[in-house]
Amino acid sequence: MSGFNNITFILLTFLQVLGKENGEIQTEFP
């Protein structure tokens, strides 16, 4: 499951970057 968790972490980080670049999507993660 470590691989799945790693991919999920990358996806969440990718969404954060998109939100910061676009400024429209605000994702809140600790």
PDB file of N, CA and C in Angstrom:
ATOM      1  N   MET A   1       0.833  -1.208   0.000  1.00  0.00           N
ATOM      2  CA  MET A   1       0.000   0.000   0.000  1.00  0.00           C
ATOM      3  C   MET A   1       0.868   1.259   0.000  1.00  0.00           C
ATOM      4  N   SER A   2       2.160   1.101   0.255  1.00  0.00           N
ATOM      5  CA  SER A   2       3.036   2.272   0.301  1.00  0.00           C
ATOM      6  C   SER A   2       3.059   2.969  -1.059  1.00  0.00           C
ATOM      7  N   GLY A   3       3.015   2.176  -2.119  1.00  0.00           N
ATOM      8  CA  GLY A   3       3.020   2.766  -3.463  1.00  0.00           C
ATOM      9  C   GLY A   3       1.763   3.566  -3.706  1.00  0.00           C
ATOM     10  N   PHE A   4       0.617   3.038  -3.258  1.00  0.00           N
ATOM     11  CA  PHE A   4      -0.655   3.741  -3.444  1.00  0.00           C
ATOM     12  C   PHE A   4      -0.660   5.049  -2.668  1.00  0.00           C
ATOM     13  N   ASN A   5      -0.161   4.984  -1.425  1.00  0.00           N
ATOM     14  CA  ASN A   5      -0.109   6.184  -0.597  1.00  0.00           C
ATOM     15  C   ASN A   5       0.823   7.223  -1.216  1.00  0.00           C
ATOM     16  N   ASN A   6       1.911   6.765  -1.806  1.00  0.00           N
ATOM     17  CA  ASN A   6       2.864   7.681  -2.428  1.00  0.00           C
ATOM     18  C   ASN A   6       2.215   8.402  -3.601  1.00  0.00           C
ATOM     19  N   ILE A   7       1.476   7.654  -4.422  1.00  0.00           N
ATOM     20  CA  ILE A   7       0.806   8.254  -5.579  1.00  0.00           C
ATOM     21  C   ILE A   7      -0.242   9.259  -5.110  1.00  0.00           C
ATOM     22  N   THR A   8      -0.972   8.901  -4.058  1.00  0.00           N
ATOM     23  CA  THR A   8      -1.993   9.811  -3.532  1.00  0.00           C
ATOM     24  C   THR A   8      -1.356  11.099  -3.041  1.00  0.00           C
ATOM     25  N   PHE A   9      -0.225  10.989  -2.357  1.00  0.00           N
ATOM     26  CA  PHE A   9       0.473  12.173  -1.851  1.00  0.00           C
ATOM     27  C   PHE A   9       0.910  13.074  -3.009  1.00  0.00           C
ATOM     28  N   ILE A  10       1.402  12.442  -4.079  1.00  0.00           N
ATOM     29  CA  ILE A  10       1.839  13.211  -5.250  1.00  0.00           C
ATOM     30  C   ILE A  10       0.653  13.925  -5.885  1.00  0.00           C
ATOM     31  N   LEU A  11      -0.484  13.235  -5.979  1.00  0.00           N
ATOM     32  CA  LEU A  11      -1.676  13.844  -6.578  1.00  0.00           C
ATOM     33  C   LEU A  11      -2.147  15.030  -5.740  1.00  0.00           C
ATOM     34  N   LEU A  12      -2.154  14.871  -4.412  1.00  0.00           N
ATOM     35  CA  LEU A  12      -2.587  15.963  -3.543  1.00  0.00           C
ATOM     36  C   LEU A  12      -1.648  17.151  -3.680  1.00  0.00           C
ATOM     37  N   THR A  13      -0.362  16.882  -3.731  1.00  0.00           N
ATOM     38  CA  THR A  13       0.617  17.963  -3.891  1.00  0.00           C
ATOM     39  C   THR A  13       0.433  18.650  -5.232  1.00  0.00           C
ATOM     40  N   PHE A  14       0.147  17.853  -6.281  1.00  0.00           N
ATOM     41  CA  PHE A  14      -0.065  18.406  -7.612  1.00  0.00           C
ATOM     42  C   PHE A  14      -1.280  19.328  -7.616  1.00  0.00           C
ATOM     43  N   LEU A  15      -2.329  18.924  -6.911  1.00  0.00           N
ATOM     44  CA  LEU A  15      -3.534  19.760  -6.822  1.00  0.00           C
ATOM     45  C   LEU A  15      -3.226  21.047  -6.080  1.00  0.00           C
ATOM     46  N   GLN A  16      -2.386  20.967  -5.043  1.00  0.00           N
ATOM     47  CA  GLN A  16      -2.004  22.166  -4.299  1.00  0.00           C
ATOM     48  C   GLN A  16      -1.274  23.152  -5.212  1.00  0.00           C
ATOM     49  N   VAL A  17      -0.353  22.632  -6.022  1.00  0.00           N
ATOM     50  CA  VAL A  17       0.417  23.489  -6.932  1.00  0.00           C
ATOM     51  C   VAL A  17      -0.514  24.149  -7.939  1.00  0.00           C
ATOM     52  N   LEU A  18      -1.460  23.383  -8.465  1.00  0.00           N
ATOM     53  CA  LEU A  18      -2.413  23.950  -9.431  1.00  0.00           C
ATOM     54  C   LEU A  18      -3.249  25.041  -8.772  1.00  0.00           C
ATOM     55  N   GLY A  19      -3.659  24.800  -7.538  1.00  0.00           N
ATOM     56  CA  GLY A  19      -4.471  25.786  -6.828  1.00  0.00           C
ATOM     57  C   GLY A  19      -3.694  27.071  -6.585  1.00  0.00           C
ATOM     58  N   LYS A  20      -2.406  26.948  -6.267  1.00  0.00           N
ATOM     59  CA  LYS A  20      -1.590  28.129  -6.001  1.00  0.00           C
ATOM     60  C   LYS A  20      -1.322  28.888  -7.296  1.00  0.00           C
ATOM     61  N   GLU A  21      -1.155  28.170  -8.410  1.00  0.00           N
ATOM     62  CA  GLU A  21      -0.857  28.821  -9.679  1.00  0.00           C
ATOM     63  C   GLU A  21      -2.108  29.496 -10.237  1.00  0.00           C
ATOM     64  N   ASN A  22      -3.228  28.788 -10.192  1.00  0.00           N
ATOM     65  CA  ASN A  22      -4.467  29.331 -10.749  1.00  0.00           C
ATOM     66  C   ASN A  22      -5.085  30.361  -9.814  1.00  0.00           C
ATOM     67  N   GLY A  23      -5.033  30.068  -8.518  1.00  0.00           N
ATOM     68  CA  GLY A  23      -5.603  30.978  -7.542  1.00  0.00           C
ATOM     69  C   GLY A  23      -7.107  30.808  -7.437  1.00  0.00           C
ATOM     70  N   GLU A  24      -7.683  29.924  -8.258  1.00  0.00           N
ATOM     71  CA  GLU A  24      -9.129  29.709  -8.219  1.00  0.00           C
ATOM     72  C   GLU A  24      -9.461  28.556  -7.286  1.00  0.00           C
ATOM     73  N   ILE A  25      -8.648  27.495  -7.378  1.00  0.00           N
ATOM     74  CA  ILE A  25      -8.891  26.320  -6.550  1.00  0.00           C
ATOM     75  C   ILE A  25      -8.106  26.445  -5.247  1.00  0.00           C
ATOM     76  N   GLN A  26      -8.825  26.398  -4.123  1.00  0.00           N
ATOM     77  CA  GLN A  26      -8.150  26.504  -2.833  1.00  0.00           C
ATOM     78  C   GLN A  26      -8.239  25.164  -2.115  1.00  0.00           C
ATOM     79  N   THR A  27      -7.118  24.433  -2.108  1.00  0.00           N
ATOM     80  CA  THR A  27      -7.102  23.135  -1.432  1.00  0.00           C
ATOM     81  C   THR A  27      -6.452  23.296  -0.072  1.00  0.00           C
ATOM     82  N   GLU A  28      -7.111  22.771   0.949  1.00  0.00           N
ATOM     83  CA  GLU A  28      -6.574  22.900   2.296  1.00  0.00           C
ATOM     84  C   GLU A  28      -6.076  21.547   2.791  1.00  0.00           C
ATOM     85  N   PHE A  29      -4.761  21.422   2.920  1.00  0.00           N
ATOM     86  CA  PHE A  29      -4.154  20.207   3.465  1.00  0.00           C
ATOM     87  C   PHE A  29      -3.132  20.592   4.515  1.00  0.00           C
ATOM     88  N   PRO A  30      -3.035  19.821   5.555  1.00  0.00           N
ATOM     89  CA  PRO A  30      -2.083  20.121   6.635  1.00  0.00           C
ATOM     90  C   PRO A  30      -0.635  20.031   6.148  1.00  0.00           C
TER      91      PRO A  30
END
